[in-house]
Structures are given as structure tokens and as C-alpha cells.
Amino acid sequence: MNSTAAPPSSLYKGLEAYAVAYWHIHPYLSLTICVFGVTTNVVNICVLSKPKMRNSINCILTGIAISDILTMLDYVPYAVHFYIATDINDFIHRYTYFWSIYLNFHSCLSNTTHTVSLWLAVVMSAVRYLFIRSRGRLNLSIPKTQLAICGVYVAVIMVLIPNYSLSGLEPSFVPAHNTTVYKIKSLQIYLKNSTTMNAINVWLFVLVGKFIPCVLICVLGCMLLKTIQQSVQLTESLKLTSCSRRMRAHRRTTIMLLAIMALFIISSFPVAILMLISVFVDGFFMDYYMLFADTLDILSLINNAINFVMYCSMSRQFRDSLCETLPLCKLDSGKGVYQSTATTTNVRASAVTHL
């Protein structure tokens, strides 16, 4: 523990016991989620990229899927080496020069992809809100959406440049084994007596990379809920069947996007809050945050992997398009497994921005 005052013994011991117990489960659970998530996100990209599925929201969801794949692919060797192949106390084999370089790369990449996914979720929320609020008049074009996605990727990389520049390896000679191990430089979260560069890095990382996008997702989510209530009232007052069908279809899509936003909040807001506390409380990061590190990782991985389940359970058009994409479903297409292309096209024409 690095704090000047020891944490309350009962609380700390309980959290430590939980962290140790979960540490043995984490690698196998995370690998299972990563294998499932990479596979299903590839399917997501294939389905969402089909010509009849292309719209602004699906473009953003594709951008999120790419970021999620990078996160999970990178996590596989991390889980295998640092949890399964080497013991937690085996510093000699755990922190060789090669694996320390990889660990540094893993840290930078995961920070980048998580932040990209968060900000893409913000963009998705804003696009959907503007579309619903304007009753379909404000609909971002595909080229502009793709430009926005690329802009998010570039902007996040630029914001995290201080984080990249402060990362690196610290060699440590081990006399007992006559060898040198390497560890990545620890990020100084607590800002008292911090250097200017480190303070800039921490505020960019904690606020821009974690806290602000989470708050924006919450605010936009509440605004979307309000627009859904207003659309229900409008539908009831108009009492038009065709309008009612379109409104219900748009509500289903919006509710699904709200569920995706909720998953982002559940997986990311705890990280943002704990990081913010670490900025002001000396020793909190090492004494408490690190005990939750594996749990926070698994929440993030679940969020990366679960979108396929959300799409299948909440979007009929995604299911129809998925059936058209899968070879086994194509074999049974004459038996009514999925709707015809003409029917699906008509659904898309009426729903405009549906999945």
C-alpha cells in the first residue's frame, strides 16, 4: 500500500479477499468473453455494412464494433501471459523485456479503444436525439457520419498523446537471479506535487477520456427518453395508423440504443468515478482502485461483446439481415426462415434509420 495512512483494515481485507478470489476466475472468463465478442462483432460488421443496412446509426455501431474487436484481440495475449502462463509473484518471467513492451502497448491501446468507443456512443446518442427531435428532418448523411467516426478516432489519439509520451519502461535489476526485469512506468494519478505535464495528462485522461463522455451519455439518454414520451403523446393525439407504426418502429430502435448507452454507463461510469477520487485522495488508486481493476476490465469486456445479443433480441431487421447473411439460413430461405429481400427493403424504406 502506498498511502500515508493505512486503509480501514476490515474494509481493505474484505476487498483484497474478493480481488484475490476473482483473480483466479478472471482469465478464463475474460478469454471466453473475448472469443465470443470478437466472433460476434465480426458478424455485426458484416451485417451492418450490407448496402440495405447502411445508415448513420449503423455506421457508428460499425465503428464501435471495430474498436471493440481491437480491445478484445489485444486482451487475449494479456490474459494468457499475465494470468495463466505466469504466477503473479514470478517477476522474472512475467516482466521480460518483450512482455513489458507488450504490456505498455496493451495499456496505451486499451485506453485508446475504450475512449473511442465512449465518444462514438456520445456521437450516436446525439445523432439519434437530433433525428427524433426533428422528426426525421435532421438525418446525418453516410459520408458525414464516416467523417465524424474518423474524427473521433483521430481526436482521441491526439488527446491521449500526453499519456503515450509519459508511458515507458523502468528497468529493475534483480541480484538474486542476476537479471533485469522491466515494468511500465506507473501513472501518477494523485495530483499533489505533480508536474505540469503529468497534471495535463491526468485531467485529459480522467475528464476527457472517462468522465465527460459518461456524463454526456447520461444527459443525452435522458433527453432521448423525453422525446420517446413526447412521440407517444403525439401518436395518440394524431391517431393515424401509418404514423403510429412508424413511431413505434422508431421507438423500438431508440429503446435499443438506450439499452446500449446504459451498458456504456454501467461499464464506464465506475471507472470514471474511481479515477476522479484517485486524483484527490492520496493512495486511493493503489490501495482501492487496483483491487477493482479485474472487475472493471470484465465489465468493459462484457460491454464490448454483448451488442450482438442486443441487436438480435431487439431488432427484427438485424435478425432478417443476419439470416440472409448466414449460409445455413439461406438454405432454408424457401421455408419462411426470413423475409424476402423485397419485404425487408420495404421495412427499411418505412423505418428510415432502423437497424
Protein backbone atom coordinates (compact mmCIF):
# COMPACT_ATOMS: atom_id res chain seq x y z
CA MET A 1 0.00 0.00 0.00
CA ASN A 2 1.28 3.43 -0.94
CA SER A 3 -0.87 5.72 1.15
CA THR A 4 0.47 7.55 4.16
CA ALA A 5 -2.37 6.23 6.31
CA ALA A 6 -3.39 2.57 6.20
CA PRO A 7 -6.90 1.87 4.89
CA PRO A 8 -9.52 0.60 7.34
CA SER A 9 -8.42 -2.99 7.95
CA SER A 10 -11.83 -4.69 7.75
CA LEU A 11 -12.87 -2.97 4.51
CA TYR A 12 -9.48 -3.35 2.88
CA LYS A 13 -9.14 -7.02 3.84
CA GLY A 14 -12.60 -7.77 2.50
CA LEU A 15 -11.86 -6.09 -0.83
CA GLU A 16 -8.47 -7.77 -1.01
CA ALA A 17 -10.01 -11.20 -0.38
CA TYR A 18 -12.53 -10.56 -3.15
CA ALA A 19 -9.81 -9.39 -5.56
CA VAL A 20 -7.66 -12.48 -4.89
CA ALA A 21 -10.62 -14.86 -5.28
CA TYR A 22 -11.75 -13.27 -8.53
CA TRP A 23 -8.18 -13.13 -9.89
CA HIS A 24 -8.26 -16.91 -10.41
CA ILE A 25 -11.54 -16.74 -12.34
CA HIS A 26 -10.84 -13.65 -14.40
CA PRO A 27 -8.55 -15.01 -17.16
CA TYR A 28 -10.85 -17.86 -18.17
CA LEU A 29 -13.97 -15.69 -18.03
CA SER A 30 -12.30 -12.88 -19.97
CA LEU A 31 -10.96 -15.25 -22.65
CA THR A 32 -14.42 -16.76 -23.13
CA ILE A 33 -15.95 -13.31 -23.49
CA CYS A 34 -13.20 -12.19 -25.90
CA VAL A 35 -13.61 -15.21 -28.20
CA PHE A 36 -17.38 -14.73 -28.25
CA GLY A 37 -17.07 -10.96 -28.63
CA VAL A 38 -14.56 -10.95 -31.47
CA THR A 39 -16.62 -13.50 -33.41
CA THR A 40 -19.94 -11.73 -32.93
CA ASN A 41 -18.51 -8.28 -33.63
CA VAL A 42 -17.16 -9.54 -36.96
CA VAL A 43 -20.72 -10.73 -37.68
CA ASN A 44 -22.04 -7.32 -36.59
CA ILE A 45 -19.73 -5.56 -39.06
CA CYS A 46 -20.73 -7.91 -41.90
CA VAL A 47 -24.44 -7.38 -41.27
CA LEU A 48 -24.37 -3.64 -40.55
CA SER A 49 -22.18 -2.97 -43.61
CA LYS A 50 -24.64 -4.53 -46.06
CA PRO A 51 -25.96 -1.93 -48.56
CA LYS A 52 -29.57 -2.08 -47.33
CA MET A 53 -28.44 -1.65 -43.70
CA ARG A 54 -26.30 1.43 -44.27
CA ASN A 55 -27.40 4.50 -42.34
CA SER A 56 -25.80 6.91 -39.90
CA ILE A 57 -26.52 4.92 -36.73
CA ASN A 58 -25.31 1.63 -38.23
CA CYS A 59 -22.11 3.33 -39.42
CA ILE A 60 -21.41 4.45 -35.86
CA LEU A 61 -22.23 0.99 -34.48
CA THR A 62 -19.76 -0.45 -37.01
CA GLY A 63 -17.10 1.98 -35.77
CA ILE A 64 -17.79 0.84 -32.20
CA ALA A 65 -17.55 -2.82 -33.28
CA ILE A 66 -14.12 -2.21 -34.83
CA SER A 67 -12.91 -0.57 -31.62
CA ASP A 68 -14.33 -3.43 -29.54
CA ILE A 69 -12.58 -6.05 -31.70
CA LEU A 70 -9.24 -4.30 -31.22
CA THR A 71 -9.82 -4.20 -27.46
CA MET A 72 -10.62 -7.90 -27.18
CA LEU A 73 -7.95 -9.14 -29.60
CA ASP A 74 -5.35 -7.25 -27.59
CA TYR A 75 -6.71 -8.63 -24.31
CA VAL A 76 -6.22 -12.30 -25.26
CA PRO A 77 -2.38 -12.46 -25.03
CA TYR A 78 -2.55 -10.20 -21.95
CA ALA A 79 -4.86 -12.63 -20.13
CA VAL A 80 -2.90 -15.71 -21.23
CA HIS A 81 0.55 -14.47 -20.21
CA PHE A 82 -0.11 -12.37 -17.11
CA TYR A 83 -2.81 -14.59 -15.57
CA ILE A 84 -2.35 -18.16 -16.83
CA ALA A 85 1.21 -18.69 -18.11
CA THR A 86 3.00 -16.93 -15.23
CA ASP A 87 2.40 -16.71 -11.50
CA ILE A 88 1.59 -13.32 -10.01
CA ASN A 89 4.84 -13.39 -8.00
CA ASP A 90 7.03 -14.67 -10.85
CA PHE A 91 8.52 -11.31 -11.78
CA ILE A 92 11.42 -12.84 -13.73
CA HIS A 93 9.27 -14.49 -16.40
CA ARG A 94 6.31 -12.17 -16.02
CA TYR A 95 8.14 -8.94 -16.84
CA THR A 96 10.69 -9.80 -19.50
CA TYR A 97 11.65 -7.03 -21.90
CA PHE A 98 9.34 -8.35 -24.65
CA TRP A 99 6.31 -8.78 -22.40
CA SER A 100 6.86 -5.41 -20.74
CA ILE A 101 6.87 -3.75 -24.17
CA TYR A 102 3.66 -5.59 -24.95
CA LEU A 103 2.14 -4.55 -21.59
CA ASN A 104 2.94 -0.92 -22.35
CA PHE A 105 1.37 -1.29 -25.80
CA HIS A 106 -1.67 -3.01 -24.28
CA SER A 107 -2.14 -0.18 -21.80
CA CYS A 108 -1.99 2.51 -24.50
CA LEU A 109 -4.20 0.62 -26.96
CA SER A 110 -6.89 -0.29 -24.42
CA ASN A 111 -7.06 3.31 -23.18
CA THR A 112 -7.45 4.46 -26.78
CA THR A 113 -10.10 1.95 -27.85
CA HIS A 114 -12.17 2.38 -24.68
CA THR A 115 -12.15 6.16 -25.13
CA VAL A 116 -13.02 5.86 -28.83
CA SER A 117 -15.99 3.61 -28.05
CA LEU A 118 -17.24 6.02 -25.37
CA TRP A 119 -17.11 9.05 -27.64
CA LEU A 120 -18.68 7.15 -30.53
CA ALA A 121 -21.53 6.31 -28.14
CA VAL A 122 -21.85 10.05 -27.44
CA VAL A 123 -21.98 10.79 -31.18
CA MET A 124 -24.55 8.02 -31.69
CA SER A 125 -26.72 9.43 -28.89
CA ALA A 126 -26.54 12.95 -30.32
CA VAL A 127 -27.34 11.80 -33.87
CA ARG A 128 -30.33 9.79 -32.69
CA TYR A 129 -31.61 12.61 -30.49
CA LEU A 130 -31.42 15.14 -33.34
CA PHE A 131 -33.18 12.73 -35.68
CA ILE A 132 -36.04 12.02 -33.26
CA ARG A 133 -36.30 15.63 -32.11
CA SER A 134 -36.57 16.89 -35.71
CA ARG A 135 -38.99 14.06 -36.65
CA GLY A 136 -36.59 12.76 -39.28
CA ARG A 137 -35.63 16.08 -40.86
CA LEU A 138 -32.10 16.13 -39.39
CA ASN A 139 -30.50 12.90 -40.56
CA LEU A 140 -26.70 12.78 -40.86
CA SER A 141 -25.55 11.53 -44.26
CA ILE A 142 -23.30 8.47 -44.57
CA PRO A 143 -20.21 10.45 -45.72
CA LYS A 144 -20.60 12.95 -42.86
CA THR A 145 -21.07 10.10 -40.38
CA GLN A 146 -17.94 8.35 -41.62
CA LEU A 147 -16.05 11.64 -41.32
CA ALA A 148 -17.32 12.04 -37.74
CA ILE A 149 -16.18 8.49 -36.87
CA CYS A 150 -12.70 9.11 -38.30
CA GLY A 151 -12.65 12.44 -36.45
CA VAL A 152 -13.36 10.68 -33.14
CA TYR A 153 -10.52 8.20 -33.70
CA VAL A 154 -8.06 10.98 -34.59
CA ALA A 155 -9.20 13.31 -31.78
CA VAL A 156 -8.89 10.59 -29.13
CA ILE A 157 -5.36 9.73 -30.27
CA MET A 158 -4.40 13.42 -30.09
CA VAL A 159 -5.93 13.84 -26.62
CA LEU A 160 -4.02 10.80 -25.35
CA ILE A 161 -0.63 11.91 -26.72
CA PRO A 162 0.49 13.07 -23.23
CA ASN A 163 -0.47 9.61 -21.92
CA TYR A 164 1.58 7.92 -24.63
CA SER A 165 4.55 10.22 -24.05
CA LEU A 166 4.65 9.56 -20.30
CA SER A 167 4.42 5.80 -20.69
CA GLY A 168 7.55 3.69 -20.94
CA LEU A 169 9.61 1.01 -19.24
CA GLU A 170 11.56 1.13 -15.99
CA PRO A 171 14.37 -1.47 -15.68
CA SER A 172 14.96 -3.09 -12.31
CA PHE A 173 17.93 -5.36 -11.60
CA VAL A 174 17.23 -8.49 -9.51
CA PRO A 175 20.51 -9.55 -7.83
CA ALA A 176 19.16 -12.90 -6.62
CA HIS A 177 18.59 -14.00 -10.22
CA ASN A 178 21.30 -11.84 -11.81
CA THR A 179 18.79 -10.50 -14.32
CA THR A 180 16.81 -7.38 -15.14
CA VAL A 181 13.03 -7.11 -15.21
CA TYR A 182 11.05 -4.29 -16.79
CA LYS A 183 7.86 -2.65 -15.62
CA ILE A 184 5.83 0.11 -17.23
CA LYS A 185 6.02 3.49 -15.55
CA SER A 186 3.27 3.99 -13.00
CA LEU A 187 0.76 6.71 -13.82
CA GLN A 188 0.77 9.30 -11.04
CA ILE A 189 -2.94 9.92 -10.55
CA TYR A 190 -2.78 11.88 -7.29
CA LEU A 191 -2.05 15.46 -8.36
CA LYS A 192 -0.46 16.95 -5.24
CA ASN A 193 3.15 17.93 -6.05
CA SER A 194 2.62 16.66 -9.60
CA THR A 195 4.47 18.00 -12.63
CA THR A 196 2.60 20.17 -15.13
CA MET A 197 2.86 17.53 -17.87
CA ASN A 198 1.53 14.83 -15.57
CA ALA A 199 -1.34 17.07 -14.43
CA ILE A 200 -2.32 17.75 -18.06
CA ASN A 201 -2.18 14.03 -18.79
CA VAL A 202 -4.31 13.11 -15.78
CA TRP A 203 -7.01 15.70 -16.46
CA LEU A 204 -7.21 14.79 -20.14
CA PHE A 205 -7.31 11.09 -19.32
CA VAL A 206 -9.80 11.29 -16.44
CA LEU A 207 -12.09 14.07 -17.63
CA VAL A 208 -12.00 13.94 -21.44
CA GLY A 209 -11.36 10.20 -21.66
CA LYS A 210 -13.72 8.98 -18.94
CA PHE A 211 -15.92 11.38 -17.00
CA ILE A 212 -17.23 13.86 -19.60
CA PRO A 213 -18.38 11.24 -22.17
CA CYS A 214 -20.16 9.30 -19.42
CA VAL A 215 -21.99 12.44 -18.29
CA LEU A 216 -22.92 13.31 -21.88
CA ILE A 217 -24.30 9.80 -22.48
CA CYS A 218 -26.43 10.14 -19.33
CA VAL A 219 -27.74 13.57 -20.36
CA LEU A 220 -28.47 12.54 -23.95
CA GLY A 221 -30.10 9.34 -22.70
CA CYS A 222 -32.49 11.34 -20.52
CA MET A 223 -33.26 13.64 -23.45
CA LEU A 224 -33.99 10.63 -25.67
CA LEU A 225 -36.35 9.22 -23.05
CA LYS A 226 -38.20 12.52 -23.01
CA THR A 227 -38.54 12.51 -26.82
CA ILE A 228 -39.95 8.96 -26.67
CA GLN A 229 -42.63 10.13 -24.22
CA GLN A 230 -43.43 13.07 -26.48
CA SER A 231 -43.68 10.80 -29.54
CA VAL A 232 -46.10 8.53 -27.68
CA GLN A 233 -48.30 11.51 -26.83
CA LEU A 234 -48.10 12.75 -30.43
CA THR A 235 -49.06 9.35 -31.83
CA GLU A 236 -52.06 9.09 -29.51
CA SER A 237 -53.25 12.58 -30.41
CA LEU A 238 -52.92 12.03 -34.18
CA LYS A 239 -54.48 8.55 -34.13
CA LEU A 240 -53.00 7.77 -37.57
CA THR A 241 -52.24 4.09 -38.22
CA SER A 242 -49.30 4.65 -40.59
CA CYS A 243 -47.83 7.32 -38.33
CA SER A 244 -48.35 5.07 -35.32
CA ARG A 245 -46.46 2.21 -36.98
CA ARG A 246 -43.52 4.46 -37.87
CA MET A 247 -43.44 5.95 -34.38
CA ARG A 248 -43.46 2.51 -32.77
CA ALA A 249 -40.67 1.37 -35.07
CA HIS A 250 -38.57 4.43 -34.24
CA ARG A 251 -39.27 3.94 -30.53
CA ARG A 252 -38.05 0.34 -30.69
CA THR A 253 -34.80 1.45 -32.31
CA THR A 254 -34.36 4.27 -29.80
CA ILE A 255 -35.03 1.95 -26.86
CA MET A 256 -32.39 -0.46 -28.16
CA LEU A 257 -29.88 2.38 -28.46
CA LEU A 258 -30.78 3.49 -24.92
CA ALA A 259 -30.02 -0.04 -23.72
CA ILE A 260 -26.62 0.13 -25.43
CA MET A 261 -26.00 3.52 -23.82
CA ALA A 262 -26.95 2.08 -20.42
CA LEU A 263 -24.33 -0.64 -20.85
CA PHE A 264 -21.70 2.00 -21.57
CA ILE A 265 -22.68 3.85 -18.40
CA ILE A 266 -22.61 0.68 -16.27
CA SER A 267 -19.18 -0.36 -17.56
CA SER A 268 -17.54 3.08 -17.73
CA PHE A 269 -19.00 5.33 -15.03
CA PRO A 270 -17.49 3.34 -12.11
CA VAL A 271 -14.06 3.76 -13.73
CA ALA A 272 -14.63 7.49 -14.16
CA ILE A 273 -15.76 7.96 -10.54
CA LEU A 274 -12.91 5.89 -9.06
CA MET A 275 -10.34 7.69 -11.23
CA LEU A 276 -11.73 11.06 -10.17
CA ILE A 277 -11.47 10.08 -6.50
CA SER A 278 -7.89 8.92 -7.12
CA VAL A 279 -7.00 12.41 -8.36
CA PHE A 280 -7.82 13.96 -4.97
CA VAL A 281 -7.19 11.15 -2.45
CA ASP A 282 -3.59 10.13 -1.89
CA GLY A 283 -3.05 6.36 -2.17
CA PHE A 284 -6.61 5.60 -3.30
CA PHE A 285 -5.51 4.41 -6.75
CA MET A 286 -3.11 1.75 -5.48
CA ASP A 287 -5.00 0.85 -2.30
CA TYR A 288 -8.51 0.58 -3.71
CA TYR A 289 -8.77 1.15 -7.45
CA MET A 290 -6.32 -1.64 -8.28
CA LEU A 291 -8.40 -4.10 -6.24
CA PHE A 292 -11.28 -3.45 -8.65
CA ALA A 293 -9.13 -3.48 -11.80
CA ASP A 294 -10.07 -7.00 -12.94
CA THR A 295 -13.76 -6.44 -12.19
CA LEU A 296 -13.75 -3.19 -14.16
CA ASP A 297 -11.98 -4.99 -17.02
CA ILE A 298 -14.61 -7.72 -17.18
CA LEU A 299 -17.44 -5.15 -17.17
CA SER A 300 -15.78 -3.41 -20.09
CA LEU A 301 -15.27 -6.69 -21.99
CA ILE A 302 -18.92 -7.65 -21.45
CA ASN A 303 -19.93 -4.29 -22.90
CA ASN A 304 -17.63 -4.94 -25.88
CA ALA A 305 -19.13 -8.37 -26.53
CA ILE A 306 -22.84 -8.05 -25.79
CA ASN A 307 -24.02 -5.83 -28.66
CA PHE A 308 -24.73 -8.82 -30.92
CA VAL A 309 -27.15 -10.18 -28.32
CA MET A 310 -28.81 -6.76 -28.08
CA TYR A 311 -29.24 -6.47 -31.85
CA CYS A 312 -30.65 -9.99 -32.22
CA SER A 313 -33.09 -9.62 -29.34
CA MET A 314 -34.30 -6.09 -30.13
CA SER A 315 -34.06 -5.58 -33.91
CA ARG A 316 -36.12 -7.63 -36.36
CA GLN A 317 -34.35 -6.12 -39.36
CA PHE A 318 -30.96 -7.15 -37.95
CA ARG A 319 -32.26 -10.69 -37.48
CA ASP A 320 -33.63 -10.76 -41.03
CA SER A 321 -30.36 -9.45 -42.46
CA LEU A 322 -28.38 -11.90 -40.32
CA CYS A 323 -30.42 -14.81 -41.67
CA GLU A 324 -29.72 -13.64 -45.21
CA THR A 325 -26.00 -13.48 -44.40
CA LEU A 326 -25.64 -16.90 -42.73
CA PRO A 327 -25.29 -19.82 -45.19
CA LEU A 328 -27.43 -22.22 -43.12
CA CYS A 329 -30.31 -19.77 -43.09
CA LYS A 330 -30.02 -19.25 -46.85
CA LEU A 331 -30.57 -22.97 -47.39
CA ASP A 332 -33.92 -22.72 -45.61
CA SER A 333 -34.99 -19.41 -47.15
CA GLY A 334 -37.77 -21.10 -49.12
CA LYS A 335 -39.32 -22.34 -45.88
CA GLY A 336 -40.02 -18.91 -44.46
CA VAL A 337 -37.00 -18.62 -42.18
CA TYR A 338 -36.60 -14.96 -43.08
CA GLN A 339 -38.44 -12.31 -45.03
CA SER A 340 -37.76 -11.75 -48.71
CA THR A 341 -35.42 -9.02 -49.87
CA ALA A 342 -38.35 -7.03 -51.20
CA THR A 343 -40.15 -7.17 -47.86
CA THR A 344 -37.02 -6.19 -45.94
CA THR A 345 -36.41 -3.30 -48.32
CA ASN A 346 -39.95 -2.04 -47.74
CA VAL A 347 -39.42 -2.21 -43.99
CA ARG A 348 -36.26 -0.18 -44.33
CA ALA A 349 -37.96 2.39 -46.54
CA SER A 350 -40.62 2.99 -43.92
CA ALA A 351 -38.29 2.92 -40.92
CA VAL A 352 -35.53 5.08 -42.43
CA THR A 353 -32.87 4.62 -39.76
CA HIS A 354 -33.70 1.25 -38.37
CA LEU A 355 -31.19 -1.44 -37.67
